[in-house]
C-alpha atoms as a PDB file:
ATOM      1  CA  MET A   1     -95.553  -7.893   5.731  1.00  0.00           C
ATOM      2  CA  GLY A   2     -93.401  -4.664   4.731  1.00  0.00           C
ATOM      3  CA  LYS A   3     -91.931  -4.869   8.493  1.00  0.00           C
ATOM      4  CA  LYS A   4     -90.773  -8.052   7.968  1.00  0.00           C
ATOM      5  CA  LYS A   5     -89.493  -7.721   4.410  1.00  0.00           C
ATOM      6  CA  ARG A   6     -87.518  -4.463   5.685  1.00  0.00           C
ATOM      7  CA  SER A   7     -86.182  -6.848   8.785  1.00  0.00           C
ATOM      8  CA  ASP A   8     -84.994  -9.351   6.245  1.00  0.00           C
ATOM      9  CA  VAL A   9     -83.109  -7.225   4.216  1.00  0.00           C
ATOM     10  CA  ILE A  10     -81.311  -5.632   7.188  1.00  0.00           C
ATOM     11  CA  SER A  11     -80.242  -9.157   8.404  1.00  0.00           C
ATOM     12  CA  LYS A  12     -78.368  -9.967   5.362  1.00  0.00           C
ATOM     13  CA  ILE A  13     -76.230  -7.026   5.358  1.00  0.00           C
ATOM     14  CA  PRO A  14     -72.677  -7.983   6.817  1.00  0.00           C
ATOM     15  CA  LYS A  15     -71.876  -6.440  10.251  1.00  0.00           C
ATOM     16  CA  GLY A  16     -68.548  -5.102   8.543  1.00  0.00           C
ATOM     17  CA  VAL A  17     -70.732  -3.330   6.208  1.00  0.00           C
ATOM     18  CA  TRP A  18     -73.105  -1.816   9.108  1.00  0.00           C
ATOM     19  CA  LEU A  19     -69.379  -0.778  10.934  1.00  0.00           C
ATOM     20  CA  LEU A  20     -68.540   1.095   8.160  1.00  0.00           C
ATOM     21  CA  ILE A  21     -71.486   2.847   7.536  1.00  0.00           C
ATOM     22  CA  SER A  22     -71.431   4.022  11.419  1.00  0.00           C
ATOM     23  CA  LEU A  23     -68.130   4.695  10.538  1.00  0.00           C
ATOM     24  CA  ALA A  24     -69.036   7.155   7.538  1.00  0.00           C
ATOM     25  CA  VAL A  25     -71.811   8.621   9.593  1.00  0.00           C
ATOM     26  CA  ALA A  26     -69.221   9.371  12.693  1.00  0.00           C
ATOM     27  CA  LEU A  27     -67.023  11.148   9.849  1.00  0.00           C
ATOM     28  CA  ILE A  28     -69.657  13.064   8.378  1.00  0.00           C
ATOM     29  CA  LEU A  29     -71.026  14.420  11.722  1.00  0.00           C
ATOM     30  CA  TRP A  30     -67.404  14.950  12.630  1.00  0.00           C
ATOM     31  CA  THR A  31     -66.602  16.966   9.465  1.00  0.00           C
ATOM     32  CA  VAL A  32     -69.852  19.174   9.632  1.00  0.00           C
ATOM     33  CA  LEU A  33     -69.122  19.822  13.411  1.00  0.00           C
ATOM     34  CA  SER A  34     -65.394  20.827  12.571  1.00  0.00           C
ATOM     35  CA  PHE A  35     -67.227  23.574  10.238  1.00  0.00           C
ATOM     36  CA  GLY A  36     -68.941  25.221  13.120  1.00  0.00           C
ATOM     37  CA  LYS A  37     -67.089  28.653  15.206  1.00  0.00           C
ATOM     38  CA  SER A  38     -67.508  27.111  18.708  1.00  0.00           C
ATOM     39  CA  THR A  39     -67.893  23.196  17.909  1.00  0.00           C
ATOM     40  CA  GLY A  40     -64.896  23.532  15.265  1.00  0.00           C
ATOM     41  CA  ARG A  41     -62.531  24.521  18.780  1.00  0.00           C
ATOM     42  CA  VAL A  42     -63.506  21.004  20.146  1.00  0.00           C
ATOM     43  CA  PHE A  43     -64.057  18.790  16.977  1.00  0.00           C
ATOM     44  CA  PRO A  44     -60.901  19.816  14.619  1.00  0.00           C
ATOM     45  CA  ASN A  45     -60.957  18.639  11.197  1.00  0.00           C
ATOM     46  CA  VAL A  46     -60.367  15.102  11.021  1.00  0.00           C
ATOM     47  CA  VAL A  47     -57.397  15.427   8.393  1.00  0.00           C
ATOM     48  CA  LEU A  48     -55.425  17.422  11.179  1.00  0.00           C
ATOM     49  CA  VAL A  49     -56.221  14.980  14.161  1.00  0.00           C
ATOM     50  CA  ILE A  50     -54.854  12.518  11.866  1.00  0.00           C
ATOM     51  CA  GLN A  51     -52.022  14.483  10.892  1.00  0.00           C
ATOM     52  CA  SER A  52     -51.295  14.876  14.938  1.00  0.00           C
ATOM     53  CA  ILE A  53     -50.072  11.493  15.087  1.00  0.00           C
ATOM     54  CA  GLY A  54     -46.978  12.243  13.138  1.00  0.00           C
ATOM     55  CA  THR A  55     -46.621  15.436  15.524  1.00  0.00           C
ATOM     56  CA  MET A  56     -46.733  13.092  18.584  1.00  0.00           C
ATOM     57  CA  MET A  57     -44.416  10.514  17.048  1.00  0.00           C
ATOM     58  CA  GLY A  58     -42.073  13.071  16.132  1.00  0.00           C
ATOM     59  CA  ARG A  59     -42.116  14.418  19.821  1.00  0.00           C
ATOM     60  CA  GLY A  60     -41.028  10.853  20.871  1.00  0.00           C
ATOM     61  CA  LEU A  61     -44.258  10.783  22.968  1.00  0.00           C
ATOM     62  CA  LEU A  62     -47.193   8.825  21.325  1.00  0.00           C
ATOM     63  CA  LEU A  63     -45.462   4.858  21.740  1.00  0.00           C
ATOM     64  CA  LYS A  64     -44.141   5.709  24.934  1.00  0.00           C
ATOM     65  CA  ASP A  65     -47.990   7.041  26.367  1.00  0.00           C
ATOM     66  CA  ILE A  66     -49.473   4.218  24.710  1.00  0.00           C
ATOM     67  CA  SER A  67     -47.137   1.609  26.092  1.00  0.00           C
ATOM     68  CA  SER A  68     -46.893   3.219  29.602  1.00  0.00           C
ATOM     69  CA  SER A  69     -50.988   3.221  30.126  1.00  0.00           C
ATOM     70  CA  LEU A  70     -51.007  -0.526  28.891  1.00  0.00           C
ATOM     71  CA  ILE A  71     -48.805  -1.584  31.549  1.00  0.00           C
ATOM     72  CA  SER A  72     -50.467   0.100  34.281  1.00  0.00           C
ATOM     73  CA  VAL A  73     -54.030  -0.858  33.247  1.00  0.00           C
ATOM     74  CA  ILE A  74     -53.129  -4.354  32.397  1.00  0.00           C
ATOM     75  CA  ALA A  75     -51.386  -4.642  35.914  1.00  0.00           C
ATOM     76  CA  GLY A  76     -53.962  -2.825  37.811  1.00  0.00           C
ATOM     77  CA  PHE A  77     -56.680  -5.039  36.107  1.00  0.00           C
ATOM     78  CA  ALA A  78     -54.828  -8.413  36.384  1.00  0.00           C
ATOM     79  CA  ILE A  79     -54.640  -7.490  40.119  1.00  0.00           C
ATOM     80  CA  GLY A  80     -58.178  -6.445  40.438  1.00  0.00           C
ATOM     81  CA  PHE A  81     -59.562  -9.712  38.658  1.00  0.00           C
ATOM     82  CA  VAL A  82     -57.425 -11.974  41.028  1.00  0.00           C
ATOM     83  CA  THR A  83     -58.199 -10.589  44.386  1.00  0.00           C
ATOM     84  CA  SER A  84     -61.946  -9.734  43.022  1.00  0.00           C
ATOM     85  CA  ILE A  85     -62.930 -13.649  42.455  1.00  0.00           C
ATOM     86  CA  PRO A  86     -62.243 -15.099  46.067  1.00  0.00           C
ATOM     87  CA  VAL A  87     -63.342 -11.999  47.748  1.00  0.00           C
ATOM     88  CA  ALA A  88     -66.731 -12.085  45.890  1.00  0.00           C
ATOM     89  CA  PHE A  89     -67.043 -16.127  46.386  1.00  0.00           C
ATOM     90  CA  LEU A  90     -66.427 -15.538  50.056  1.00  0.00           C
ATOM     91  CA  MET A  91     -68.524 -13.108  50.659  1.00  0.00           C
ATOM     92  CA  ALA A  92     -71.567 -14.630  48.857  1.00  0.00           C
ATOM     93  CA  TRP A  93     -70.677 -18.295  50.767  1.00  0.00           C
ATOM     94  CA  TYR A  94     -70.295 -17.047  54.124  1.00  0.00           C
ATOM     95  CA  ARG A  95     -72.748 -14.177  55.829  1.00  0.00           C
ATOM     96  CA  PRO A  96     -69.955 -13.458  58.192  1.00  0.00           C
ATOM     97  CA  VAL A  97     -67.624 -12.313  55.422  1.00  0.00           C
ATOM     98  CA  ARG A  98     -70.311 -10.676  53.729  1.00  0.00           C
ATOM     99  CA  TYR A  99     -71.457  -8.604  56.669  1.00  0.00           C
ATOM    100  CA  ILE A 100     -67.990  -7.032  57.401  1.00  0.00           C
ATOM    101  CA  LEU A 101     -67.052  -6.317  54.060  1.00  0.00           C
ATOM    102  CA  GLU A 102     -69.923  -5.483  51.811  1.00  0.00           C
ATOM    103  CA  PRO A 103     -70.781  -1.914  53.759  1.00  0.00           C
ATOM    104  CA  TRP A 104     -67.224  -0.917  52.988  1.00  0.00           C
ATOM    105  CA  ILE A 105     -67.205  -1.942  49.581  1.00  0.00           C
ATOM    106  CA  GLN A 106     -70.274   0.066  48.913  1.00  0.00           C
ATOM    107  CA  PHE A 107     -68.950   2.834  50.791  1.00  0.00           C
ATOM    108  CA  ILE A 108     -65.799   3.146  48.802  1.00  0.00           C
ATOM    109  CA  ARG A 109     -67.242   2.291  45.421  1.00  0.00           C
ATOM    110  CA  ASN A 110     -69.292   5.580  45.380  1.00  0.00           C
ATOM    111  CA  ILE A 111     -66.114   7.870  46.057  1.00  0.00           C
ATOM    112  CA  PRO A 112     -64.557   8.846  42.722  1.00  0.00           C
ATOM    113  CA  PRO A 113     -60.583   7.909  42.052  1.00  0.00           C
ATOM    114  CA  LEU A 114     -59.867  11.499  41.834  1.00  0.00           C
ATOM    115  CA  ALA A 115     -60.905  11.719  45.841  1.00  0.00           C
ATOM    116  CA  TYR A 116     -58.466   9.291  47.048  1.00  0.00           C
ATOM    117  CA  VAL A 117     -55.385   9.855  44.508  1.00  0.00           C
ATOM    118  CA  PRO A 118     -53.940  12.258  47.076  1.00  0.00           C
ATOM    119  CA  LEU A 119     -54.122   9.529  49.811  1.00  0.00           C
ATOM    120  CA  VAL A 120     -52.660   7.052  47.547  1.00  0.00           C
ATOM    121  CA  VAL A 121     -49.430   9.240  46.734  1.00  0.00           C
ATOM    122  CA  ILE A 122     -48.656   9.907  49.949  1.00  0.00           C
ATOM    123  CA  GLY A 123     -48.858   6.724  50.972  1.00  0.00           C
ATOM    124  CA  VAL A 124     -46.625   5.017  48.140  1.00  0.00           C
ATOM    125  CA  GLY A 125     -45.360   8.061  46.254  1.00  0.00           C
ATOM    126  CA  VAL A 126     -45.124   8.975  42.675  1.00  0.00           C
ATOM    127  CA  GLY A 127     -44.806   6.749  39.747  1.00  0.00           C
ATOM    128  CA  ARG A 128     -45.705   3.485  38.721  1.00  0.00           C
ATOM    129  CA  THR A 129     -47.012   2.112  41.464  1.00  0.00           C
ATOM    130  CA  PRO A 130     -49.880   4.329  42.475  1.00  0.00           C
ATOM    131  CA  GLN A 131     -51.211   4.353  39.518  1.00  0.00           C
ATOM    132  CA  ILE A 132     -51.567   0.591  39.517  1.00  0.00           C
ATOM    133  CA  ILE A 133     -52.990   0.984  43.062  1.00  0.00           C
ATOM    134  CA  VAL A 134     -56.015   3.318  41.885  1.00  0.00           C
ATOM    135  CA  ILE A 135     -56.826   1.040  38.819  1.00  0.00           C
ATOM    136  CA  TRP A 136     -56.698  -2.173  40.810  1.00  0.00           C
ATOM    137  CA  LEU A 137     -58.811  -0.360  43.244  1.00  0.00           C
ATOM    138  CA  ALA A 138     -61.531   0.912  40.757  1.00  0.00           C
ATOM    139  CA  THR A 139     -61.609  -2.175  39.011  1.00  0.00           C
ATOM    140  CA  PHE A 140     -61.450  -4.662  42.053  1.00  0.00           C
ATOM    141  CA  LEU A 141     -64.908  -2.848  43.451  1.00  0.00           C
ATOM    142  CA  ILE A 142     -67.020  -2.991  40.275  1.00  0.00           C
ATOM    143  CA  MET A 143     -65.894  -6.773  39.446  1.00  0.00           C
ATOM    144  CA  THR A 144     -66.419  -8.077  43.004  1.00  0.00           C
ATOM    145  CA  VAL A 145     -70.150  -6.569  43.266  1.00  0.00           C
ATOM    146  CA  THR A 146     -70.398  -8.054  39.819  1.00  0.00           C
ATOM    147  CA  VAL A 147     -69.429 -11.425  40.555  1.00  0.00           C
ATOM    148  CA  PHE A 148     -70.907 -11.308  43.665  1.00  0.00           C
ATOM    149  CA  GLN A 149     -74.358 -10.824  42.396  1.00  0.00           C
ATOM    150  CA  GLY A 150     -73.559 -14.000  40.024  1.00  0.00           C
ATOM    151  CA  VAL A 151     -72.752 -16.248  43.236  1.00  0.00           C
ATOM    152  CA  ILE A 152     -75.872 -15.169  45.060  1.00  0.00           C
ATOM    153  CA  ASN A 153     -78.002 -15.359  41.908  1.00  0.00           C
ATOM    154  CA  VAL A 154     -77.035 -19.247  41.299  1.00  0.00           C
ATOM    155  CA  ASP A 155     -80.331 -21.427  41.144  1.00  0.00           C
ATOM    156  CA  GLU A 156     -80.306 -23.206  44.596  1.00  0.00           C
ATOM    157  CA  THR A 157     -82.081 -26.236  42.920  1.00  0.00           C
ATOM    158  CA  LEU A 158     -78.597 -27.064  41.604  1.00  0.00           C
ATOM    159  CA  ILE A 159     -76.667 -26.724  44.699  1.00  0.00           C
ATOM    160  CA  LYS A 160     -79.065 -28.678  46.373  1.00  0.00           C
ATOM    161  CA  ALA A 161     -79.029 -31.573  44.248  1.00  0.00           C
ATOM    162  CA  ALA A 162     -75.142 -31.054  44.294  1.00  0.00           C
ATOM    163  CA  ARG A 163     -75.622 -31.398  48.103  1.00  0.00           C
ATOM    164  CA  VAL A 164     -77.615 -34.794  48.003  1.00  0.00           C
ATOM    165  CA  LEU A 165     -75.165 -36.162  45.265  1.00  0.00           C
ATOM    166  CA  GLY A 166     -72.271 -35.787  48.058  1.00  0.00           C
ATOM    167  CA  ALA A 167     -70.629 -32.915  46.900  1.00  0.00           C
ATOM    168  CA  ASN A 168     -68.159 -30.926  49.198  1.00  0.00           C
ATOM    169  CA  ASP A 169     -67.533 -27.365  49.241  1.00  0.00           C
ATOM    170  CA  VAL A 170     -64.755 -27.736  46.708  1.00  0.00           C
ATOM    171  CA  ASN A 171     -66.449 -29.745  44.582  1.00  0.00           C
ATOM    172  CA  LEU A 172     -69.796 -27.451  44.600  1.00  0.00           C
ATOM    173  CA  PHE A 173     -67.577 -24.587  43.642  1.00  0.00           C
ATOM    174  CA  VAL A 174     -65.650 -26.372  40.962  1.00  0.00           C
ATOM    175  CA  LYS A 175     -68.686 -28.239  39.178  1.00  0.00           C
ATOM    176  CA  VAL A 176     -71.620 -26.181  39.912  1.00  0.00           C
ATOM    177  CA  ILE A 177     -70.959 -22.680  40.957  1.00  0.00           C
ATOM    178  CA  PHE A 178     -68.591 -21.348  39.079  1.00  0.00           C
ATOM    179  CA  PRO A 179     -69.839 -22.766  35.685  1.00  0.00           C
ATOM    180  CA  ALA A 180     -72.969 -21.351  36.713  1.00  0.00           C
ATOM    181  CA  THR A 181     -71.094 -17.812  37.472  1.00  0.00           C
ATOM    182  CA  THR A 182     -69.357 -17.746  34.129  1.00  0.00           C
ATOM    183  CA  PRO A 183     -71.611 -15.389  32.268  1.00  0.00           C
ATOM    184  CA  PHE A 184     -71.290 -12.531  35.638  1.00  0.00           C
ATOM    185  CA  ILE A 185     -67.575 -13.023  35.467  1.00  0.00           C
ATOM    186  CA  ILE A 186     -67.345 -12.222  31.989  1.00  0.00           C
ATOM    187  CA  THR A 187     -69.480  -9.194  32.647  1.00  0.00           C
ATOM    188  CA  ALA A 188     -67.599  -8.197  35.510  1.00  0.00           C
ATOM    189  CA  VAL A 189     -64.179  -8.460  33.102  1.00  0.00           C
ATOM    190  CA  ARG A 190     -66.187  -6.279  30.753  1.00  0.00           C
ATOM    191  CA  LEU A 191     -67.011  -3.632  33.265  1.00  0.00           C
ATOM    192  CA  GLY A 192     -63.385  -3.899  34.931  1.00  0.00           C
ATOM    193  CA  ILE A 193     -61.815  -3.228  31.351  1.00  0.00           C
ATOM    194  CA  SER A 194     -63.960  -0.348  30.893  1.00  0.00           C
ATOM    195  CA  THR A 195     -63.591   1.134  34.543  1.00  0.00           C
ATOM    196  CA  ALA A 196     -59.710   0.624  34.232  1.00  0.00           C
ATOM    197  CA  LEU A 197     -59.922   2.688  31.207  1.00  0.00           C
ATOM    198  CA  THR A 198     -62.418   5.708  32.413  1.00  0.00           C
ATOM    199  CA  THR A 199     -59.900   5.591  35.627  1.00  0.00           C
ATOM    200  CA  LEU A 200     -56.713   6.247  33.808  1.00  0.00           C
ATOM    201  CA  ILE A 201     -56.728   9.884  33.849  1.00  0.00           C
ATOM    202  CA  ALA A 202     -57.102   9.911  37.592  1.00  0.00           C
ATOM    203  CA  ALA A 203     -54.797   7.183  37.789  1.00  0.00           C
ATOM    204  CA  GLU A 204     -51.871   9.241  36.113  1.00  0.00           C
ATOM    205  CA  SER A 205     -52.639  12.377  37.620  1.00  0.00           C
ATOM    206  CA  THR A 206     -50.097  10.784  40.586  1.00  0.00           C
ATOM    207  CA  GLY A 207     -47.140  12.413  38.906  1.00  0.00           C
ATOM    208  CA  ALA A 208     -46.769  10.043  35.868  1.00  0.00           C
ATOM    209  CA  MET A 209     -43.893  10.956  33.648  1.00  0.00           C
ATOM    210  CA  ALA A 210     -46.141   9.115  30.480  1.00  0.00           C
ATOM    211  CA  GLY A 211     -49.244   8.021  29.592  1.00  0.00           C
ATOM    212  CA  LEU A 212     -52.539   8.534  27.739  1.00  0.00           C
ATOM    213  CA  GLY A 213     -54.023  10.234  30.415  1.00  0.00           C
ATOM    214  CA  MET A 214     -51.308  12.365  31.640  1.00  0.00           C
ATOM    215  CA  ARG A 215     -50.839  13.353  28.078  1.00  0.00           C
ATOM    216  CA  ILE A 216     -54.489  14.754  27.510  1.00  0.00           C
ATOM    217  CA  LYS A 217     -54.359  16.622  30.712  1.00  0.00           C
ATOM    218  CA  ALA A 218     -50.931  17.845  29.380  1.00  0.00           C
ATOM    219  CA  LEU A 219     -52.211  18.613  26.158  1.00  0.00           C
ATOM    220  CA  SER A 220     -55.402  20.472  27.640  1.00  0.00           C
ATOM    221  CA  ASN A 221     -53.164  22.729  29.688  1.00  0.00           C
ATOM    222  CA  SER A 222     -51.616  24.013  26.458  1.00  0.00           C
ATOM    223  CA  TYR A 223     -55.043  23.843  24.391  1.00  0.00           C
ATOM    224  CA  GLU A 224     -53.203  21.396  22.072  1.00  0.00           C
ATOM    225  CA  THR A 225     -56.727  20.279  20.721  1.00  0.00           C
ATOM    226  CA  GLN A 226     -55.904  18.023  17.880  1.00  0.00           C
ATOM    227  CA  PRO A 227     -53.441  15.375  19.607  1.00  0.00           C
ATOM    228  CA  MET A 228     -55.588  15.694  22.604  1.00  0.00           C
ATOM    229  CA  LEU A 229     -58.784  14.495  20.468  1.00  0.00           C
ATOM    230  CA  LEU A 230     -56.392  11.761  19.076  1.00  0.00           C
ATOM    231  CA  TYR A 231     -55.119  10.532  22.704  1.00  0.00           C
ATOM    232  CA  ILE A 232     -59.174  10.429  23.530  1.00  0.00           C
ATOM    233  CA  ILE A 233     -59.818   8.323  20.326  1.00  0.00           C
ATOM    234  CA  ILE A 234     -57.083   5.840  21.208  1.00  0.00           C
ATOM    235  CA  ILE A 235     -58.085   5.019  24.491  1.00  0.00           C
ATOM    236  CA  GLY A 236     -61.671   4.518  23.079  1.00  0.00           C
ATOM    237  CA  ILE A 237     -59.627   2.056  20.462  1.00  0.00           C
ATOM    238  CA  ILE A 238     -57.931   0.296  23.244  1.00  0.00           C
ATOM    239  CA  GLY A 239     -61.074  -0.458  25.135  1.00  0.00           C
ATOM    240  CA  MET A 240     -63.008  -1.386  21.381  1.00  0.00           C
ATOM    241  CA  ALA A 241     -60.246  -4.149  20.884  1.00  0.00           C
ATOM    242  CA  ALA A 242     -60.442  -5.499  24.434  1.00  0.00           C
ATOM    243  CA  GLU A 243     -64.036  -5.618  23.950  1.00  0.00           C
ATOM    244  CA  LYS A 244     -63.708  -7.778  20.603  1.00  0.00           C
ATOM    245  CA  ILE A 245     -61.188 -10.065  22.430  1.00  0.00           C
ATOM    246  CA  LEU A 246     -63.658 -10.525  25.386  1.00  0.00           C
ATOM    247  CA  LYS A 247     -66.327 -11.519  23.075  1.00  0.00           C
ATOM    248  CA  VAL A 248     -64.226 -14.381  21.454  1.00  0.00           C
ATOM    249  CA  VAL A 249     -63.390 -15.706  24.920  1.00  0.00           C
ATOM    250  CA  GLU A 250     -67.012 -15.330  26.304  1.00  0.00           C
ATOM    251  CA  ARG A 251     -68.253 -17.549  22.990  1.00  0.00           C
ATOM    252  CA  LYS A 252     -65.652 -20.099  23.842  1.00  0.00           C
ATOM    253  CA  LEU A 253     -66.544 -19.985  27.495  1.00  0.00           C
ATOM    254  CA  THR A 254     -70.457 -19.808  27.426  1.00  0.00           C
ATOM    255  CA  GLY A 255     -71.116 -21.430  24.080  1.00  0.00           C
ATOM    256  CA  TRP A 256     -73.632 -23.742  26.039  1.00  0.00           C
ATOM    257  CA  GLN A 257     -75.923 -20.495  27.020  1.00  0.00           C
ATOM    258  CA  GLU A 258     -78.640 -19.721  25.399  1.00  0.00           C
ATOM    259  CA  LYS A 259     -78.926 -15.858  24.227  1.00  0.00           C
ATOM    260  CA  ARG A 260     -82.029 -14.468  22.313  1.00  0.00           C
ATOM    261  CA  GLU A 261     -80.703 -12.899  18.860  1.00  0.00           C
ATOM    262  CA  ILE A 262     -81.098  -9.224  18.504  1.00  0.00           C
END
């Protein structure tokens, strides 16, 4: 009875309040760590990190770095998404395509992006293009595998029923396969965005002149911990903002899907 009462009390607390509590706990822990002799070097006082916003703005770098990284991430992710969907569907639907492509996708997927960055630079030079290629490759691989799993897990009964009703391949994809795979596509997008952001430092090691990942590396070389931590937090904030937007899209597209309340 007591457990149920506690559960009812917890469920009545708005999610916004929980977010504030979570933020408060993180700030308290951060402050405690900042007083430590060794941990203080890694987690400088939160006030100093906030002040580094002005420092990087004064250098004319903060907005430039954010916009540069966003361009590379959005472009690489968009190309990865557009190319992964048809490849995943073709692999799931046609065995010869799957037998040819799947071993190579699994092989390349296990190679860290930093390993093939030099090859990309040798192939296309430095600048924006190699950044986009590295992010595209990383996001393409993870999204292809995820969407592929969604297509092959579509209920066979639905496919057979559509065939009996006279559906051709195009109708089958549009009316049955694609709607049934939408939750997997949303998951693929979520993983793709995360992969694009986690690949950022590798992507911007291709001779980038600006960018969050490039700046983190430069700041680490000069031991400027406060702005470096600021940039790391900014990447996390961008990821969280993308996740919030994706959740809104997910509710619009998969409102029909029953989900367990947690």
